[in-house]
Amino acid sequence: MTANSADQAQHLGDRPPASPVKMTHYQVVQRLTHAAARPGTSLLDEAAALADGWAVLVDPVAGAFSGDLKTAGCAAVHAAAHPQAHPHLTIRRVGAAVLVLGPGASVPASRIPVIARTTVELLRVRAQQADKMRGIEQRMHTAVLRLLLRGEHRLAADVVGCVTAVQATMYRLTGDPRATQAAYQVLWRTAQLNGALSQTHRLVCLDGTELVVVDIHGADGDPDLTHSLTARTAEQHQLTGGAADPAPLDMAPIAWAEAGAVRKGAAKGSLRIATEGLAELGLLRAVPPARLAAWSAAVLQSLDSAQRRTLEAYLRSGTAQAAAPVLSVSENTVRTRLREISPLLAADLDHPTVQAQLLLALRVPPSPPPATSPAGLLPGPPVPAELLNAHQAKSWASALLEPLDRPLRIALRCWLQHHGRTAPAAAELGLARSTLTAWLDRCSHKLNLDLNSATARAELHLAIETVAGPDDVPAALPRRGGRTYRGPRPQAPSTGS
């Protein structure tokens, strides 16, 4: 046993026994059988209690499962990989997974094999039941995906039994058809295992030649497990994948399109996440949650739920035309609704800074509106003072944009001011469109962000406007000469009549 696992076992062994010392083998089996009928990690929790220690199921792809991974997760993973180095632990194989049992010192040695054998058999019974239901379950997953993409989000949440779900994280992978099928089988098995041992809701579907994974969760859900699981699968099977930002369930069609766009920039054998480069530098993490929630509620308090949905669909998709099918209305209806929303917010919805601020506010989980007047949305300062003071905002923006040199910052700023349109930005910068496209690709690579993501563009706009100085304008762009890196074209002299 390693020092780490020994310390963990000793720590757990110091607890009062969770079960009577005197217990027949029949009673042990009975308690485990009753626990197996309950959802989640009840079976592993009962095995740990009977052993007065810990019980962890380690899957090579999905990772470790237990009611308390903090105390035993690392030790179990090490033991599963190197069983000969942990003679004091009981290790049993369950299909491709491994059950690791760390018994306490007060439990009779004869009880441990009974606990391990019974737990393994009950886990196998669960797997057999899942196999019998596989066809039905797979069709149900595909049906729920179809409901989400058609905008039937409430019905989709009801079908998967997750009435508290409010967000979905979308993954789309493609590659060789045989590799995609093999990856599907792996992800399906781990999704079934995860679904049996936790309360997450993960859809795994084959949509034609495409592998789709949808993580359905609450506003505070953590999709990190699905991220790592899907990324490992893409690497092992040499698939190309894209992941969208977590989006409200009713924005699933937009998340679907975003995941497809992000995938175009991914390398073979990798999963690209739209805003991976933000990490801790994202404003949702850089600003204290309570302060962010209060500001968001103040900004949006004059809008009802339908107006919020219209605004979010417009900002996430980028155009009224793209938002229309998500809202199941015409493009003209979207424009009419936006004209009604603008005076309610006292804001110019066409201004890129206002759009970035609004998208930030909409990404914050809804909270009760404050008993104060609505917060203002102004082109300056880009990061509202209610969130960060001037010094904090500049430090945040400088850290985010550090990988970019001045020419790239100027080009990116101009492109963002033109709402991500390359042709007018290239004309103002005096660059060929191909040159600007190449520069934007360099920005995307250096920042590890996908510029197709509305979230990434919004945070970059707020950051670049925060640090921009009077010389960060197209006219001050350093010139090197050449056809594709030139100054603005001189205007032809006007001729009089």
Protein backbone atom coordinates (compact mmCIF):
# COMPACT_ATOMS: atom_id res chain seq x y z
CA MET A 1 0.00 0.00 0.00
CA THR A 2 1.32 3.44 -0.84
CA ALA A 3 1.84 6.00 1.91
CA ASN A 4 -1.04 8.04 0.55
CA SER A 5 -3.49 5.14 0.51
CA ALA A 6 -2.25 3.92 3.91
CA ASP A 7 -2.90 7.33 5.41
CA GLN A 8 -6.37 7.39 3.87
CA ALA A 9 -7.14 3.88 5.12
CA GLN A 10 -5.90 4.79 8.60
CA HIS A 11 -8.02 7.96 8.56
CA LEU A 12 -11.11 6.00 7.59
CA GLY A 13 -10.28 3.26 10.07
CA ASP A 14 -10.39 5.81 12.88
CA ARG A 15 -14.15 6.28 12.36
CA PRO A 16 -16.63 4.47 14.65
CA PRO A 17 -17.76 1.21 13.05
CA ALA A 18 -20.69 1.86 10.70
CA SER A 19 -22.08 -1.68 11.18
CA PRO A 20 -22.24 -4.18 14.04
CA VAL A 21 -19.16 -6.33 14.44
CA LYS A 22 -21.33 -9.45 14.77
CA MET A 23 -23.30 -10.01 11.58
CA THR A 24 -24.12 -13.12 9.61
CA HIS A 25 -23.19 -13.45 5.96
CA TYR A 26 -26.90 -13.60 5.13
CA GLN A 27 -27.44 -10.21 6.79
CA VAL A 28 -24.53 -8.74 4.79
CA VAL A 29 -26.00 -10.00 1.51
CA GLN A 30 -29.47 -8.77 2.48
CA ARG A 31 -28.26 -5.25 3.22
CA LEU A 32 -26.31 -5.05 -0.02
CA THR A 33 -29.27 -6.36 -2.03
CA HIS A 34 -31.58 -3.73 -0.54
CA ALA A 35 -29.00 -1.03 -1.29
CA ALA A 36 -28.69 -2.18 -4.92
CA ALA A 37 -32.38 -1.40 -5.42
CA ARG A 38 -31.75 2.25 -4.58
CA PRO A 39 -30.35 4.75 -7.15
CA GLY A 40 -26.98 6.44 -7.21
CA THR A 41 -24.01 5.17 -5.20
CA SER A 42 -26.14 3.47 -2.52
CA LEU A 43 -24.63 0.04 -3.23
CA LEU A 44 -21.05 1.31 -2.93
CA ASP A 45 -21.96 3.32 0.17
CA GLU A 46 -23.45 0.23 1.82
CA ALA A 47 -20.40 -1.85 0.94
CA ALA A 48 -18.18 0.81 2.50
CA ALA A 49 -20.33 0.90 5.66
CA LEU A 50 -20.29 -2.89 6.03
CA ALA A 51 -16.51 -2.90 5.57
CA ASP A 52 -16.15 0.08 7.92
CA GLY A 53 -13.89 1.60 5.28
CA TRP A 54 -14.41 2.61 1.65
CA ALA A 55 -15.56 1.15 -1.66
CA VAL A 56 -14.78 2.67 -5.05
CA LEU A 57 -15.60 1.48 -8.57
CA VAL A 58 -12.89 2.52 -11.05
CA ASP A 59 -13.74 2.60 -14.75
CA PRO A 60 -10.81 3.02 -17.22
CA VAL A 61 -12.71 5.67 -19.20
CA ALA A 62 -15.29 7.19 -16.86
CA GLY A 63 -13.02 7.39 -13.81
CA ALA A 64 -13.89 6.61 -10.20
CA PHE A 65 -17.34 6.35 -8.58
CA SER A 66 -18.11 6.43 -4.88
CA GLY A 67 -20.14 8.33 -2.34
CA ASP A 68 -16.93 9.88 -0.97
CA LEU A 69 -14.16 10.18 -3.54
CA LYS A 70 -12.20 12.82 -1.62
CA THR A 71 -10.87 10.32 0.92
CA ALA A 72 -10.37 7.26 -1.25
CA GLY A 73 -10.50 8.17 -4.95
CA CYS A 74 -6.75 8.46 -5.55
CA ALA A 75 -5.94 5.34 -3.56
CA ALA A 76 -8.53 3.33 -5.49
CA VAL A 77 -7.26 4.48 -8.89
CA HIS A 78 -3.67 3.59 -7.93
CA ALA A 79 -4.78 0.20 -6.61
CA ALA A 80 -6.78 -0.59 -9.75
CA ALA A 81 -3.73 0.18 -11.91
CA HIS A 82 -1.21 -1.68 -9.69
CA PRO A 83 -3.07 -4.30 -7.61
CA GLN A 84 0.10 -6.18 -6.65
CA ALA A 85 1.35 -3.11 -4.81
CA HIS A 86 -1.75 -2.97 -2.56
CA PRO A 87 -2.07 -6.36 -0.82
CA HIS A 88 -4.14 -4.91 2.03
CA LEU A 89 -6.95 -3.86 -0.33
CA THR A 90 -9.54 -6.16 -1.87
CA ILE A 91 -9.65 -5.72 -5.66
CA ARG A 92 -12.20 -7.39 -7.93
CA ARG A 93 -12.86 -6.93 -11.66
CA VAL A 94 -16.39 -6.04 -12.84
CA GLY A 95 -16.29 -6.24 -16.63
CA ALA A 96 -13.95 -3.47 -17.75
CA ALA A 97 -14.22 -1.74 -14.35
CA VAL A 98 -12.52 -2.59 -11.06
CA LEU A 99 -14.04 -2.63 -7.55
CA VAL A 100 -11.57 -1.59 -4.85
CA LEU A 101 -12.53 -2.21 -1.22
CA GLY A 102 -10.57 -0.67 1.64
CA PRO A 103 -11.67 -2.43 4.86
CA GLY A 104 -11.39 -1.06 8.37
CA ALA A 105 -9.36 -2.84 11.05
CA SER A 106 -12.39 -3.65 13.24
CA VAL A 107 -14.25 -5.72 10.65
CA PRO A 108 -13.84 -9.53 10.71
CA ALA A 109 -11.63 -10.68 7.85
CA SER A 110 -14.20 -13.31 6.80
CA ARG A 111 -16.76 -10.61 6.01
CA ILE A 112 -14.67 -8.79 3.37
CA PRO A 113 -14.78 -11.51 0.65
CA VAL A 114 -18.57 -11.74 1.11
CA ILE A 115 -18.96 -7.98 0.70
CA ALA A 116 -16.71 -7.92 -2.36
CA ARG A 117 -18.27 -10.96 -4.04
CA THR A 118 -21.86 -9.82 -3.43
CA THR A 119 -21.17 -6.24 -4.58
CA VAL A 120 -19.55 -7.49 -7.79
CA GLU A 121 -22.49 -9.80 -8.54
CA LEU A 122 -25.02 -7.04 -7.90
CA LEU A 123 -23.10 -4.67 -10.18
CA ARG A 124 -23.15 -7.35 -12.88
CA VAL A 125 -26.91 -7.74 -12.47
CA ARG A 126 -27.27 -3.98 -12.96
CA ALA A 127 -25.17 -4.20 -16.12
CA GLN A 128 -27.27 -7.07 -17.46
CA GLN A 129 -30.47 -5.12 -16.83
CA ALA A 130 -28.98 -2.14 -18.64
CA ASP A 131 -28.06 -4.38 -21.61
CA LYS A 132 -31.65 -5.65 -21.82
CA MET A 133 -32.92 -2.08 -21.95
CA ARG A 134 -30.17 -0.83 -24.29
CA GLY A 135 -32.27 -0.59 -27.44
CA ILE A 136 -35.08 1.26 -25.68
CA GLU A 137 -32.67 3.56 -23.86
CA GLN A 138 -30.74 4.39 -27.02
CA ARG A 139 -33.94 5.29 -28.87
CA MET A 140 -34.99 7.41 -25.91
CA HIS A 141 -31.70 9.33 -25.96
CA THR A 142 -32.12 10.06 -29.66
CA ALA A 143 -35.72 11.15 -29.12
CA VAL A 144 -34.70 13.55 -26.34
CA LEU A 145 -32.01 15.05 -28.60
CA ARG A 146 -34.65 15.60 -31.29
CA LEU A 147 -36.94 17.28 -28.75
CA LEU A 148 -34.14 19.63 -27.67
CA LEU A 149 -33.29 20.57 -31.25
CA ARG A 150 -36.98 21.26 -31.98
CA GLY A 151 -37.25 23.56 -28.96
CA GLU A 152 -39.32 21.15 -26.81
CA HIS A 153 -37.00 21.61 -23.84
CA ARG A 154 -39.58 21.12 -21.09
CA LEU A 155 -40.74 17.84 -22.57
CA ALA A 156 -37.12 16.72 -22.99
CA ALA A 157 -36.39 17.42 -19.31
CA ASP A 158 -39.51 15.49 -18.29
CA VAL A 159 -38.53 12.48 -20.41
CA VAL A 160 -35.10 12.16 -18.77
CA GLY A 161 -36.61 12.78 -15.35
CA CYS A 162 -34.64 15.94 -14.64
CA VAL A 163 -37.21 18.62 -13.92
CA THR A 164 -34.56 20.83 -12.27
CA ALA A 165 -32.36 20.85 -15.39
CA VAL A 166 -31.92 24.28 -16.91
CA GLN A 167 -28.77 23.97 -19.02
CA ALA A 168 -27.22 21.68 -21.61
CA THR A 169 -23.64 21.31 -22.78
CA MET A 170 -23.40 19.98 -26.34
CA TYR A 171 -20.59 17.90 -27.88
CA ARG A 172 -20.37 16.84 -31.54
CA LEU A 173 -17.72 14.42 -32.80
CA THR A 174 -17.04 12.94 -36.21
CA GLY A 175 -14.43 10.78 -37.92
CA ASP A 176 -14.00 7.35 -39.47
CA PRO A 177 -17.42 5.57 -39.28
CA ARG A 178 -15.96 2.48 -37.60
CA ALA A 179 -14.08 4.58 -35.09
CA THR A 180 -17.22 6.63 -34.42
CA GLN A 181 -19.22 3.45 -33.79
CA ALA A 182 -16.54 2.12 -31.42
CA ALA A 183 -16.43 5.44 -29.55
CA TYR A 184 -20.21 5.38 -29.29
CA GLN A 185 -20.12 1.96 -27.62
CA VAL A 186 -17.49 3.13 -25.14
CA LEU A 187 -19.35 6.32 -24.29
CA TRP A 188 -22.64 4.47 -24.02
CA ARG A 189 -21.21 1.99 -21.52
CA THR A 190 -19.68 4.71 -19.38
CA ALA A 191 -22.84 6.81 -19.61
CA GLN A 192 -24.87 3.85 -18.34
CA LEU A 193 -22.38 3.27 -15.52
CA ASN A 194 -22.36 6.94 -14.60
CA GLY A 195 -26.16 7.10 -14.77
CA ALA A 196 -26.46 4.12 -12.43
CA LEU A 197 -24.00 5.53 -9.91
CA SER A 198 -24.80 9.25 -9.97
CA GLN A 199 -27.58 11.71 -10.61
CA THR A 200 -26.22 13.18 -13.85
CA HIS A 201 -28.20 13.07 -17.10
CA ARG A 202 -26.06 12.42 -20.14
CA LEU A 203 -27.37 11.68 -23.62
CA VAL A 204 -25.22 9.65 -26.01
CA CYS A 205 -26.53 9.40 -29.59
CA LEU A 206 -25.45 8.47 -33.08
CA ASP A 207 -26.86 11.04 -35.48
CA GLY A 208 -25.99 9.66 -38.89
CA THR A 209 -22.18 9.54 -38.97
CA GLU A 210 -21.90 11.93 -36.04
CA LEU A 211 -21.48 11.10 -32.35
CA VAL A 212 -23.41 13.47 -30.08
CA VAL A 213 -23.10 13.83 -26.31
CA VAL A 214 -25.40 16.15 -24.35
CA ASP A 215 -24.81 16.85 -20.66
CA ILE A 216 -28.07 18.05 -19.06
CA HIS A 217 -27.56 19.75 -15.72
CA GLY A 218 -28.62 22.52 -13.37
CA ALA A 219 -27.33 26.09 -13.49
CA ASP A 220 -24.56 25.18 -11.04
CA GLY A 221 -23.76 21.87 -12.72
CA ASP A 222 -20.16 20.92 -13.39
CA PRO A 223 -19.61 19.44 -16.87
CA ASP A 224 -15.91 18.73 -16.19
CA LEU A 225 -16.45 14.94 -16.03
CA THR A 226 -18.17 14.91 -19.41
CA HIS A 227 -15.46 17.21 -20.84
CA SER A 228 -12.65 14.87 -19.78
CA LEU A 229 -14.55 11.71 -20.74
CA THR A 230 -15.42 12.99 -24.22
CA ALA A 231 -11.92 14.41 -24.78
CA ARG A 232 -10.29 11.07 -23.90
CA THR A 233 -12.68 9.26 -26.22
CA ALA A 234 -11.89 11.65 -29.09
CA GLU A 235 -8.17 11.08 -28.55
CA GLN A 236 -8.40 7.29 -28.28
CA HIS A 237 -10.54 6.94 -31.42
CA GLN A 238 -8.99 9.82 -33.41
CA LEU A 239 -12.23 11.77 -33.72
CA THR A 240 -12.61 15.49 -34.31
CA GLY A 241 -14.90 17.13 -31.78
CA GLY A 242 -16.34 20.49 -30.81
CA ALA A 243 -18.08 21.55 -27.59
CA ALA A 244 -20.37 24.52 -27.10
CA ASP A 245 -20.65 26.68 -24.00
CA PRO A 246 -23.29 25.57 -21.48
CA ALA A 247 -26.57 27.00 -22.75
CA PRO A 248 -30.14 27.13 -21.45
CA LEU A 249 -32.15 24.13 -22.55
CA ASP A 250 -34.29 26.28 -24.81
CA MET A 251 -31.11 27.47 -26.58
CA ALA A 252 -30.11 23.91 -27.52
CA PRO A 253 -30.39 24.57 -31.29
CA ILE A 254 -27.89 27.44 -30.96
CA ALA A 255 -25.54 25.28 -28.87
CA TRP A 256 -25.83 22.58 -31.57
CA ALA A 257 -24.75 25.02 -34.27
CA GLU A 258 -21.94 26.42 -32.09
CA ALA A 259 -20.52 22.95 -31.34
CA GLY A 260 -20.47 22.22 -35.08
CA ALA A 261 -18.70 25.50 -35.81
CA VAL A 262 -16.12 24.92 -33.06
CA ARG A 263 -15.41 21.43 -34.41
CA LYS A 264 -14.24 22.90 -37.73
CA GLY A 265 -11.17 24.33 -35.98
CA ALA A 266 -10.30 21.18 -34.04
CA ALA A 267 -7.42 18.87 -34.88
CA LYS A 268 -7.95 15.15 -35.46
CA GLY A 269 -7.99 13.26 -32.19
CA SER A 270 -8.96 16.27 -30.10
CA LEU A 271 -12.01 17.93 -28.61
CA ARG A 272 -12.08 21.71 -28.92
CA ILE A 273 -14.05 23.66 -26.33
CA ALA A 274 -15.28 27.08 -27.42
CA THR A 275 -14.07 29.01 -24.37
CA GLU A 276 -11.38 26.69 -23.01
CA GLY A 277 -8.83 29.51 -22.98
CA LEU A 278 -10.91 31.61 -20.58
CA ALA A 279 -10.66 29.17 -17.66
CA GLU A 280 -10.22 31.25 -14.49
CA LEU A 281 -10.00 34.43 -16.58
CA GLY A 282 -13.66 34.24 -17.56
CA LEU A 283 -15.69 37.01 -15.98
CA LEU A 284 -18.09 34.51 -14.45
CA ARG A 285 -15.16 33.32 -12.33
CA ALA A 286 -13.22 36.55 -12.05
CA VAL A 287 -16.14 38.42 -10.44
CA PRO A 288 -17.55 37.28 -7.05
CA PRO A 289 -20.80 35.35 -7.73
CA ALA A 290 -22.97 37.45 -5.39
CA ARG A 291 -21.81 40.69 -7.00
CA LEU A 292 -22.34 39.27 -10.49
CA ALA A 293 -25.84 38.01 -9.64
CA ALA A 294 -26.90 41.35 -8.15
CA TRP A 295 -25.67 43.28 -11.21
CA SER A 296 -27.30 40.86 -13.66
CA ALA A 297 -30.64 41.01 -11.85
CA ALA A 298 -30.53 44.83 -11.84
CA VAL A 299 -29.71 44.98 -15.56
CA LEU A 300 -32.44 42.57 -16.64
CA GLN A 301 -35.18 43.31 -14.13
CA SER A 302 -37.34 45.21 -16.64
CA LEU A 303 -37.58 42.15 -18.96
CA ASP A 304 -40.00 39.26 -18.63
CA SER A 305 -38.99 35.66 -19.42
CA ALA A 306 -40.11 35.85 -23.06
CA GLN A 307 -38.12 39.03 -23.66
CA ARG A 308 -35.06 37.52 -21.98
CA ARG A 309 -35.34 34.48 -24.23
CA THR A 310 -35.61 36.64 -27.35
CA LEU A 311 -32.61 38.72 -26.33
CA GLU A 312 -30.49 35.68 -25.47
CA ALA A 313 -31.34 33.91 -28.73
CA TYR A 314 -30.36 37.03 -30.67
CA LEU A 315 -27.08 37.58 -28.82
CA ARG A 316 -26.01 33.93 -28.84
CA SER A 317 -26.82 33.38 -32.51
CA GLY A 318 -25.55 36.79 -33.66
CA THR A 319 -28.42 37.73 -35.99
CA ALA A 320 -32.19 38.05 -35.96
CA GLN A 321 -32.29 35.66 -38.91
CA ALA A 322 -30.49 32.90 -36.96
CA ALA A 323 -32.56 33.54 -33.80
CA ALA A 324 -35.92 33.25 -35.60
CA PRO A 325 -36.07 29.42 -35.92
CA VAL A 326 -34.94 29.00 -32.31
CA LEU A 327 -37.86 31.17 -31.19
CA SER A 328 -40.26 29.64 -33.75
CA VAL A 329 -41.13 33.08 -35.14
CA SER A 330 -40.27 35.07 -38.24
CA GLU A 331 -37.20 37.27 -38.59
CA ASN A 332 -39.42 40.38 -38.66
CA THR A 333 -41.01 39.32 -35.37
CA VAL A 334 -37.58 39.03 -33.78
CA ARG A 335 -36.67 42.53 -34.96
CA THR A 336 -39.96 43.91 -33.64
CA ARG A 337 -39.36 42.33 -30.25
CA LEU A 338 -35.82 43.74 -30.12
CA ARG A 339 -37.15 47.24 -30.87
CA GLU A 340 -39.50 46.83 -27.89
CA ILE A 341 -36.70 45.58 -25.62
CA SER A 342 -34.26 48.38 -26.40
CA PRO A 343 -36.19 51.19 -24.60
CA LEU A 344 -36.91 48.90 -21.63
CA LEU A 345 -33.15 48.54 -21.12
CA ALA A 346 -32.45 52.13 -22.17
CA ALA A 347 -29.67 50.72 -24.31
CA ASP A 348 -28.57 50.60 -27.94
CA LEU A 349 -28.76 46.89 -28.78
CA ASP A 350 -26.59 47.42 -31.88
CA HIS A 351 -23.59 48.65 -29.86
CA PRO A 352 -21.00 45.85 -29.50
CA THR A 353 -20.09 46.78 -25.91
CA VAL A 354 -23.73 46.81 -24.85
CA GLN A 355 -24.23 43.44 -26.55
CA ALA A 356 -21.23 42.00 -24.69
CA GLN A 357 -22.49 43.31 -21.35
CA LEU A 358 -25.97 41.93 -21.95
CA LEU A 359 -24.69 38.51 -22.93
CA LEU A 360 -22.63 38.45 -19.74
CA ALA A 361 -25.72 39.35 -17.69
CA LEU A 362 -27.78 36.64 -19.40
CA ARG A 363 -25.17 33.96 -18.65
CA VAL A 364 -25.62 34.50 -14.90
CA PRO A 365 -28.22 32.16 -13.30
CA PRO A 366 -31.47 34.12 -12.70
CA SER A 367 -31.99 35.58 -9.23
CA PRO A 368 -34.73 37.75 -7.67
CA PRO A 369 -34.53 41.36 -8.92
CA PRO A 370 -33.21 43.87 -6.39
CA ALA A 371 -35.38 46.60 -4.92
CA THR A 372 -33.34 49.25 -6.71
CA SER A 373 -33.46 51.09 -9.99
CA PRO A 374 -32.20 49.19 -13.05
CA ALA A 375 -28.45 49.25 -13.65
CA GLY A 376 -27.32 51.20 -16.67
CA LEU A 377 -25.63 49.77 -19.74
CA LEU A 378 -23.07 52.14 -21.16
CA PRO A 379 -20.41 51.80 -23.86
CA GLY A 380 -17.91 52.84 -21.19
CA PRO A 381 -16.46 51.54 -18.97
CA PRO A 382 -16.64 48.21 -20.81
CA VAL A 383 -16.58 46.20 -17.56
CA PRO A 384 -19.20 47.89 -15.33
CA ALA A 385 -17.87 49.40 -12.13
CA GLU A 386 -20.44 47.33 -10.21
CA LEU A 387 -18.40 44.25 -11.17
CA LEU A 388 -14.76 45.36 -11.08
CA ASN A 389 -13.10 48.68 -10.33
CA ALA A 390 -10.87 50.23 -12.98
CA HIS A 391 -7.66 48.67 -11.63
CA GLN A 392 -9.20 45.20 -11.29
CA ALA A 393 -10.73 45.39 -14.76
CA LYS A 394 -7.43 46.39 -16.35
CA SER A 395 -5.57 43.59 -14.57
CA TRP A 396 -8.16 41.06 -15.73
CA ALA A 397 -8.09 42.29 -19.33
CA SER A 398 -4.29 42.45 -19.49
CA ALA A 399 -3.98 38.87 -18.27
CA LEU A 400 -6.51 37.61 -20.81
CA LEU A 401 -4.92 39.44 -23.77
CA GLU A 402 -1.28 38.93 -22.78
CA PRO A 403 -0.52 36.45 -25.64
CA LEU A 404 -1.42 39.03 -28.32
CA ASP A 405 0.97 41.63 -29.71
CA ARG A 406 -0.23 45.12 -30.60
CA PRO A 407 -1.01 44.55 -34.31
CA LEU A 408 -3.13 41.52 -33.45
CA ARG A 409 -4.97 43.45 -30.72
CA ILE A 410 -5.73 46.30 -33.14
CA ALA A 411 -6.99 43.89 -35.80
CA LEU A 412 -9.06 41.89 -33.32
CA ARG A 413 -10.55 45.04 -31.81
CA CYS A 414 -11.61 46.35 -35.21
CA TRP A 415 -13.11 42.98 -36.17
CA LEU A 416 -15.11 42.82 -32.93
CA GLN A 417 -16.36 46.37 -33.41
CA HIS A 418 -17.73 45.24 -36.78
CA HIS A 419 -19.65 42.41 -35.04
CA GLY A 420 -17.28 39.75 -36.38
CA ARG A 421 -17.66 40.71 -40.04
CA THR A 422 -14.39 40.29 -41.91
CA ALA A 423 -14.98 42.37 -45.05
CA PRO A 424 -15.69 45.78 -43.42
CA ALA A 425 -13.03 45.19 -40.77
CA ALA A 426 -10.41 44.37 -43.41
CA ALA A 427 -11.33 47.50 -45.37
CA GLU A 428 -10.93 49.74 -42.32
CA LEU A 429 -7.67 48.07 -41.35
CA GLY A 430 -6.28 48.29 -44.88
CA LEU A 431 -5.68 44.53 -45.00
CA ALA A 432 -6.64 41.89 -47.49
CA ARG A 433 -9.44 39.72 -46.16
CA SER A 434 -7.20 36.66 -46.36
CA THR A 435 -4.60 38.44 -44.24
CA LEU A 436 -7.15 39.44 -41.60
CA THR A 437 -8.51 35.88 -41.55
CA ALA A 438 -4.98 34.57 -40.97
CA TRP A 439 -4.45 37.07 -38.16
CA LEU A 440 -7.72 36.08 -36.51
CA ASP A 441 -6.67 32.43 -36.71
CA ARG A 442 -3.45 33.39 -34.90
CA CYS A 443 -5.49 35.19 -32.23
CA SER A 444 -7.67 32.12 -31.81
CA HIS A 445 -4.63 29.86 -31.48
CA LYS A 446 -2.72 32.10 -29.07
CA LEU A 447 -5.75 32.63 -26.80
CA ASN A 448 -7.04 29.04 -27.15
CA LEU A 449 -10.49 30.44 -27.91
CA ASP A 450 -12.87 29.77 -30.77
CA LEU A 451 -13.94 33.09 -32.25
CA ASN A 452 -17.15 31.49 -33.54
CA SER A 453 -18.33 31.49 -29.92
CA ALA A 454 -20.50 34.46 -28.96
CA THR A 455 -19.31 34.06 -25.37
CA ALA A 456 -15.65 34.21 -26.36
CA ARG A 457 -16.23 37.26 -28.58
CA ALA A 458 -18.14 39.06 -25.82
CA GLU A 459 -15.43 38.58 -23.20
CA LEU A 460 -12.69 39.50 -25.67
CA HIS A 461 -14.54 42.67 -26.63
CA LEU A 462 -14.90 43.78 -23.01
CA ALA A 463 -11.23 42.99 -22.34
CA ILE A 464 -9.83 44.67 -25.46
CA GLU A 465 -11.88 47.82 -24.93
CA THR A 466 -10.73 47.96 -21.30
CA VAL A 467 -7.04 48.12 -22.21
CA ALA A 468 -7.33 49.98 -25.52
CA GLY A 469 -5.40 53.23 -25.73
CA PRO A 470 -5.64 56.14 -28.17
CA ASP A 471 -3.11 54.45 -30.48
CA ASP A 472 -5.01 51.13 -30.68
CA VAL A 473 -6.84 52.15 -33.85
CA PRO A 474 -6.54 50.99 -37.48
CA ALA A 475 -4.72 54.16 -38.52
CA ALA A 476 -1.93 53.34 -36.05
CA LEU A 477 -1.46 49.76 -37.26
CA PRO A 478 2.27 49.22 -37.97
CA ARG A 479 2.88 48.71 -41.69
CA ARG A 480 5.29 46.38 -43.41
CA GLY A 481 4.36 46.96 -47.02
CA GLY A 482 3.28 44.40 -49.57
CA ARG A 483 0.00 43.66 -51.28
CA THR A 484 -1.73 42.05 -48.29
CA TYR A 485 -0.38 44.32 -45.57
CA ARG A 486 -0.95 47.82 -46.73
CA GLY A 487 -2.25 51.16 -45.60
CA PRO A 488 -5.73 52.41 -46.41
CA ARG A 489 -6.26 52.93 -50.10
CA PRO A 490 -6.15 56.61 -51.08
CA GLN A 491 -9.45 58.05 -52.15
CA ALA A 492 -9.73 58.89 -55.83
CA PRO A 493 -9.94 62.68 -56.33
CA SER A 494 -13.40 63.88 -57.13
CA THR A 495 -13.89 65.46 -60.51
CA GLY A 496 -16.08 68.43 -60.99
CA SER A 497 -18.73 68.61 -63.64
